[in-house]
Amino acid sequence: MNIHANNLKAIRISKGLTQKQVASLMEKQCEDRISEWEQGKRMPSVQNLLKLCEIYKASLADIYK
């Protein structure tokens, strides 16, 4: 099962967050990593996936559509 990269972006946008805001909430240095996840260039680790679920108030099922 793969994360649908565009789904990560859609969820972030629906929550009214920028990549920079998400990066800050995840304590990342820059939003490049968030961008790579949303473009499907990289997969977030399980730890980062769980953190995204917390930030977006979404379940893994929401992310894995």
PDB file of N, CA and C in Angstrom:
ATOM      1  N   MET A   1       0.853  -1.185   0.000  1.00  0.00           N
ATOM      2  CA  MET A   1       0.000   0.000   0.000  1.00  0.00           C
ATOM      3  C   MET A   1       0.889   1.235   0.000  1.00  0.00           C
ATOM      4  N   ASN A   2       0.618   2.157  -0.888  1.00  0.00           N
ATOM      5  CA  ASN A   2       1.392   3.394  -0.977  1.00  0.00           C
ATOM      6  C   ASN A   2       0.556   4.578  -0.527  1.00  0.00           C
ATOM      7  N   ILE A   3       1.247   5.569  -0.047  1.00  0.00           N
ATOM      8  CA  ILE A   3       0.585   6.831   0.252  1.00  0.00           C
ATOM      9  C   ILE A   3       0.338   7.522  -1.071  1.00  0.00           C
ATOM     10  N   HIS A   4      -0.834   7.988  -1.269  1.00  0.00           N
ATOM     11  CA  HIS A   4      -1.122   8.783  -2.456  1.00  0.00           C
ATOM     12  C   HIS A   4      -0.581  10.177  -2.171  1.00  0.00           C
ATOM     13  N   ALA A   5       0.499  10.542  -2.837  1.00  0.00           N
ATOM     14  CA  ALA A   5       1.199  11.792  -2.538  1.00  0.00           C
ATOM     15  C   ALA A   5       0.267  12.995  -2.584  1.00  0.00           C
ATOM     16  N   ASN A   6      -0.597  13.051  -3.602  1.00  0.00           N
ATOM     17  CA  ASN A   6      -1.490  14.199  -3.706  1.00  0.00           C
ATOM     18  C   ASN A   6      -2.466  14.263  -2.539  1.00  0.00           C
ATOM     19  N   ASN A   7      -2.740  13.130  -1.908  1.00  0.00           N
ATOM     20  CA  ASN A   7      -3.626  13.124  -0.755  1.00  0.00           C
ATOM     21  C   ASN A   7      -2.987  13.869   0.413  1.00  0.00           C
ATOM     22  N   LEU A   8      -1.689  13.732   0.589  1.00  0.00           N
ATOM     23  CA  LEU A   8      -1.001  14.486   1.647  1.00  0.00           C
ATOM     24  C   LEU A   8      -1.170  15.988   1.420  1.00  0.00           C
ATOM     25  N   LYS A   9      -1.023  16.404   0.200  1.00  0.00           N
ATOM     26  CA  LYS A   9      -1.177  17.822  -0.127  1.00  0.00           C
ATOM     27  C   LYS A   9      -2.618  18.273   0.084  1.00  0.00           C
ATOM     28  N   ALA A  10      -3.569  17.454  -0.369  1.00  0.00           N
ATOM     29  CA  ALA A  10      -4.984  17.814  -0.236  1.00  0.00           C
ATOM     30  C   ALA A  10      -5.389  17.949   1.229  1.00  0.00           C
ATOM     31  N   ILE A  11      -4.912  17.034   2.058  1.00  0.00           N
ATOM     32  CA  ILE A  11      -5.241  17.106   3.489  1.00  0.00           C
ATOM     33  C   ILE A  11      -4.639  18.363   4.097  1.00  0.00           C
ATOM     34  N   ARG A  12      -3.370  18.643   3.767  1.00  0.00           N
ATOM     35  CA  ARG A  12      -2.706  19.837   4.313  1.00  0.00           C
ATOM     36  C   ARG A  12      -3.464  21.096   3.918  1.00  0.00           C
ATOM     37  N   ILE A  13      -3.820  21.197   2.648  1.00  0.00           N
ATOM     38  CA  ILE A  13      -4.529  22.377   2.164  1.00  0.00           C
ATOM     39  C   ILE A  13      -5.901  22.488   2.824  1.00  0.00           C
ATOM     40  N   SER A  14      -6.584  21.352   2.990  1.00  0.00           N
ATOM     41  CA  SER A  14      -7.920  21.390   3.614  1.00  0.00           C
ATOM     42  C   SER A  14      -7.850  21.856   5.062  1.00  0.00           C
ATOM     43  N   LYS A  15      -6.693  21.693   5.689  1.00  0.00           N
ATOM     44  CA  LYS A  15      -6.503  22.154   7.075  1.00  0.00           C
ATOM     45  C   LYS A  15      -6.007  23.593   7.125  1.00  0.00           C
ATOM     46  N   GLY A  16      -5.794  24.192   5.953  1.00  0.00           N
ATOM     47  CA  GLY A  16      -5.367  25.590   5.895  1.00  0.00           C
ATOM     48  C   GLY A  16      -3.926  25.811   6.309  1.00  0.00           C
ATOM     49  N   LEU A  17      -3.083  24.804   6.086  1.00  0.00           N
ATOM     50  CA  LEU A  17      -1.679  24.899   6.487  1.00  0.00           C
ATOM     51  C   LEU A  17      -0.768  25.003   5.275  1.00  0.00           C
ATOM     52  N   THR A  18       0.319  25.731   5.432  1.00  0.00           N
ATOM     53  CA  THR A  18       1.348  25.790   4.398  1.00  0.00           C
ATOM     54  C   THR A  18       2.393  24.707   4.690  1.00  0.00           C
ATOM     55  N   GLN A  19       3.203  24.410   3.695  1.00  0.00           N
ATOM     56  CA  GLN A  19       4.291  23.454   3.916  1.00  0.00           C
ATOM     57  C   GLN A  19       5.226  23.964   5.008  1.00  0.00           C
ATOM     58  N   LYS A  20       5.460  25.243   5.014  1.00  0.00           N
ATOM     59  CA  LYS A  20       6.348  25.833   6.021  1.00  0.00           C
ATOM     60  C   LYS A  20       5.775  25.654   7.429  1.00  0.00           C
ATOM     61  N   GLN A  21       4.467  25.829   7.581  1.00  0.00           N
ATOM     62  CA  GLN A  21       3.838  25.638   8.885  1.00  0.00           C
ATOM     63  C   GLN A  21       3.929  24.183   9.342  1.00  0.00           C
ATOM     64  N   VAL A  22       3.684  23.266   8.417  1.00  0.00           N
ATOM     65  CA  VAL A  22       3.770  21.837   8.758  1.00  0.00           C
ATOM     66  C   VAL A  22       5.204  21.484   9.147  1.00  0.00           C
ATOM     67  N   ALA A  23       6.170  21.975   8.384  1.00  0.00           N
ATOM     68  CA  ALA A  23       7.578  21.717   8.703  1.00  0.00           C
ATOM     69  C   ALA A  23       7.906  22.229  10.101  1.00  0.00           C
ATOM     70  N   SER A  24       7.416  23.395  10.434  1.00  0.00           N
ATOM     71  CA  SER A  24       7.658  23.961  11.760  1.00  0.00           C
ATOM     72  C   SER A  24       7.023  23.103  12.852  1.00  0.00           C
ATOM     73  N   LEU A  25       5.788  22.670  12.634  1.00  0.00           N
ATOM     74  CA  LEU A  25       5.102  21.824  13.611  1.00  0.00           C
ATOM     75  C   LEU A  25       5.794  20.474  13.776  1.00  0.00           C
ATOM     76  N   MET A  26       6.443  20.019  12.714  1.00  0.00           N
ATOM     77  CA  MET A  26       7.153  18.742  12.757  1.00  0.00           C
ATOM     78  C   MET A  26       8.600  18.907  13.187  1.00  0.00           C
ATOM     79  N   GLU A  27       8.996  20.147  13.466  1.00  0.00           N
ATOM     80  CA  GLU A  27      10.349  20.485  13.894  1.00  0.00           C
ATOM     81  C   GLU A  27      11.393  20.118  12.829  1.00  0.00           C
ATOM     82  N   LYS A  28      11.020  20.332  11.572  1.00  0.00           N
ATOM     83  CA  LYS A  28      11.943  20.149  10.452  1.00  0.00           C
ATOM     84  C   LYS A  28      12.589  21.501  10.152  1.00  0.00           C
ATOM     85  N   GLN A  29      13.770  21.480   9.585  1.00  0.00           N
ATOM     86  CA  GLN A  29      14.494  22.709   9.292  1.00  0.00           C
ATOM     87  C   GLN A  29      13.875  23.506   8.150  1.00  0.00           C
ATOM     88  N   CYS A  30      13.302  22.804   7.166  1.00  0.00           N
ATOM     89  CA  CYS A  30      12.696  23.503   6.036  1.00  0.00           C
ATOM     90  C   CYS A  30      11.566  22.660   5.465  1.00  0.00           C
ATOM     91  N   GLU A  31      10.803  23.269   4.598  1.00  0.00           N
ATOM     92  CA  GLU A  31       9.635  22.601   4.041  1.00  0.00           C
ATOM     93  C   GLU A  31       9.967  21.674   2.870  1.00  0.00           C
ATOM     94  N   ASP A  32      11.236  21.564   2.491  1.00  0.00           N
ATOM     95  CA  ASP A  32      11.624  20.689   1.376  1.00  0.00           C
ATOM     96  C   ASP A  32      11.166  19.249   1.596  1.00  0.00           C
ATOM     97  N   ARG A  33      11.289  18.761   2.814  1.00  0.00           N
ATOM     98  CA  ARG A  33      10.905  17.381   3.094  1.00  0.00           C
ATOM     99  C   ARG A  33       9.406  17.182   2.896  1.00  0.00           C
ATOM    100  N   ILE A  34       8.605  18.142   3.343  1.00  0.00           N
ATOM    101  CA  ILE A  34       7.157  18.066   3.179  1.00  0.00           C
ATOM    102  C   ILE A  34       6.825  18.048   1.693  1.00  0.00           C
ATOM    103  N   SER A  35       7.490  18.880   0.933  1.00  0.00           N
ATOM    104  CA  SER A  35       7.291  18.950  -0.508  1.00  0.00           C
ATOM    105  C   SER A  35       7.624  17.611  -1.174  1.00  0.00           C
ATOM    106  N   GLU A  36       8.728  17.007  -0.771  1.00  0.00           N
ATOM    107  CA  GLU A  36       9.123  15.712  -1.341  1.00  0.00           C
ATOM    108  C   GLU A  36       8.080  14.641  -1.046  1.00  0.00           C
ATOM    109  N   TRP A  37       7.513  14.650   0.150  1.00  0.00           N
ATOM    110  CA  TRP A  37       6.463  13.681   0.499  1.00  0.00           C
ATOM    111  C   TRP A  37       5.231  13.909  -0.374  1.00  0.00           C
ATOM    112  N   GLU A  38       4.866  15.166  -0.532  1.00  0.00           N
ATOM    113  CA  GLU A  38       3.665  15.493  -1.305  1.00  0.00           C
ATOM    114  C   GLU A  38       3.835  15.204  -2.796  1.00  0.00           C
ATOM    115  N   GLN A  39       5.055  15.252  -3.287  1.00  0.00           N
ATOM    116  CA  GLN A  39       5.321  14.957  -4.691  1.00  0.00           C
ATOM    117  C   GLN A  39       5.581  13.475  -4.933  1.00  0.00           C
ATOM    118  N   GLY A  40       5.654  12.693  -3.873  1.00  0.00           N
ATOM    119  CA  GLY A  40       5.915  11.270  -4.007  1.00  0.00           C
ATOM    120  C   GLY A  40       7.371  10.940  -4.261  1.00  0.00           C
ATOM    121  N   LYS A  41       8.256  11.902  -4.033  1.00  0.00           N
ATOM    122  CA  LYS A  41       9.692  11.661  -4.228  1.00  0.00           C
ATOM    123  C   LYS A  41      10.282  10.862  -3.079  1.00  0.00           C
ATOM    124  N   ARG A  42       9.704  11.000  -1.911  1.00  0.00           N
ATOM    125  CA  ARG A  42      10.141  10.288  -0.707  1.00  0.00           C
ATOM    126  C   ARG A  42       8.908   9.863   0.076  1.00  0.00           C
ATOM    127  N   MET A  43       9.102   8.857   0.898  1.00  0.00           N
ATOM    128  CA  MET A  43       8.040   8.408   1.789  1.00  0.00           C
ATOM    129  C   MET A  43       8.381   8.852   3.210  1.00  0.00           C
ATOM    130  N   PRO A  44       7.407   9.387   3.945  1.00  0.00           N
ATOM    131  CA  PRO A  44       7.679   9.725   5.342  1.00  0.00           C
ATOM    132  C   PRO A  44       7.869   8.451   6.164  1.00  0.00           C
ATOM    133  N   SER A  45       8.686   8.544   7.182  1.00  0.00           N
ATOM    134  CA  SER A  45       8.860   7.407   8.085  1.00  0.00           C
ATOM    135  C   SER A  45       7.559   7.186   8.848  1.00  0.00           C
ATOM    136  N   VAL A  46       7.455   6.055   9.509  1.00  0.00           N
ATOM    137  CA  VAL A  46       6.263   5.763  10.309  1.00  0.00           C
ATOM    138  C   VAL A  46       6.087   6.832  11.381  1.00  0.00           C
ATOM    139  N   GLN A  47       7.172   7.221  12.006  1.00  0.00           N
ATOM    140  CA  GLN A  47       7.122   8.261  13.037  1.00  0.00           C
ATOM    141  C   GLN A  47       6.584   9.571  12.458  1.00  0.00           C
ATOM    142  N   ASN A  48       7.060   9.937  11.276  1.00  0.00           N
ATOM    143  CA  ASN A  48       6.588  11.168  10.644  1.00  0.00           C
ATOM    144  C   ASN A  48       5.139  11.041  10.189  1.00  0.00           C
ATOM    145  N   LEU A  49       4.743   9.861   9.733  1.00  0.00           N
ATOM    146  CA  LEU A  49       3.342   9.645   9.357  1.00  0.00           C
ATOM    147  C   LEU A  49       2.424   9.859  10.558  1.00  0.00           C
ATOM    148  N   LEU A  50       2.815   9.317  11.693  1.00  0.00           N
ATOM    149  CA  LEU A  50       1.997   9.471  12.894  1.00  0.00           C
ATOM    150  C   LEU A  50       1.924  10.932  13.327  1.00  0.00           C
ATOM    151  N   LYS A  51       3.025  11.640  13.156  1.00  0.00           N
ATOM    152  CA  LYS A  51       3.036  13.061  13.492  1.00  0.00           C
ATOM    153  C   LYS A  51       2.128  13.846  12.541  1.00  0.00           C
ATOM    154  N   LEU A  52       2.153  13.491  11.251  1.00  0.00           N
ATOM    155  CA  LEU A  52       1.264  14.135  10.286  1.00  0.00           C
ATOM    156  C   LEU A  52      -0.193  13.884  10.653  1.00  0.00           C
ATOM    157  N   CYS A  53      -0.503  12.651  11.055  1.00  0.00           N
ATOM    158  CA  CYS A  53      -1.875  12.334  11.477  1.00  0.00           C
ATOM    159  C   CYS A  53      -2.295  13.229  12.638  1.00  0.00           C
ATOM    160  N   GLU A  54      -1.394  13.432  13.568  1.00  0.00           N
ATOM    161  CA  GLU A  54      -1.687  14.285  14.720  1.00  0.00           C
ATOM    162  C   GLU A  54      -1.903  15.737  14.289  1.00  0.00           C
ATOM    163  N   ILE A  55      -1.027  16.242  13.454  1.00  0.00           N
ATOM    164  CA  ILE A  55      -1.126  17.631  12.992  1.00  0.00           C
ATOM    165  C   ILE A  55      -2.406  17.848  12.191  1.00  0.00           C
ATOM    166  N   TYR A  56      -2.698  16.901  11.287  1.00  0.00           N
ATOM    167  CA  TYR A  56      -3.856  17.042  10.405  1.00  0.00           C
ATOM    168  C   TYR A  56      -5.157  16.560  11.046  1.00  0.00           C
ATOM    169  N   LYS A  57      -5.027  15.973  12.249  1.00  0.00           N
ATOM    170  CA  LYS A  57      -6.210  15.379  12.897  1.00  0.00           C
ATOM    171  C   LYS A  57      -6.897  14.418  11.931  1.00  0.00           C
ATOM    172  N   ALA A  58      -6.064  13.545  11.369  1.00  0.00           N
ATOM    173  CA  ALA A  58      -6.509  12.574  10.368  1.00  0.00           C
ATOM    174  C   ALA A  58      -6.020  11.197  10.772  1.00  0.00           C
ATOM    175  N   SER A  59      -6.679  10.187  10.273  1.00  0.00           N
ATOM    176  CA  SER A  59      -6.236   8.813  10.546  1.00  0.00           C
ATOM    177  C   SER A  59      -5.296   8.356   9.434  1.00  0.00           C
ATOM    178  N   LEU A  60      -4.604   7.247   9.695  1.00  0.00           N
ATOM    179  CA  LEU A  60      -3.771   6.674   8.638  1.00  0.00           C
ATOM    180  C   LEU A  60      -4.635   6.292   7.435  1.00  0.00           C
ATOM    181  N   ALA A  61      -5.873   5.860   7.689  1.00  0.00           N
ATOM    182  CA  ALA A  61      -6.774   5.518   6.593  1.00  0.00           C
ATOM    183  C   ALA A  61      -7.062   6.735   5.718  1.00  0.00           C
ATOM    184  N   ASP A  62      -7.140   7.923   6.323  1.00  0.00           N
ATOM    185  CA  ASP A  62      -7.349   9.144   5.543  1.00  0.00           C
ATOM    186  C   ASP A  62      -6.152   9.420   4.632  1.00  0.00           C
ATOM    187  N   ILE A  63      -4.974   9.144   5.144  1.00  0.00           N
ATOM    188  CA  ILE A  63      -3.749   9.402   4.383  1.00  0.00           C
ATOM    189  C   ILE A  63      -3.529   8.334   3.319  1.00  0.00           C
ATOM    190  N   TYR A  64      -3.891   7.090   3.622  1.00  0.00           N
ATOM    191  CA  TYR A  64      -3.693   5.967   2.695  1.00  0.00           C
ATOM    192  C   TYR A  64      -4.915   5.724   1.831  1.00  0.00           C
ATOM    193  N   LYS A  65      -5.410   6.740   1.162  1.00  0.00           N
ATOM    194  CA  LYS A  65      -6.567   6.558   0.260  1.00  0.00           C
ATOM    195  C   LYS A  65      -6.102   6.386  -1.141  1.00  0.00           C
TER     196      LYS A  65
END
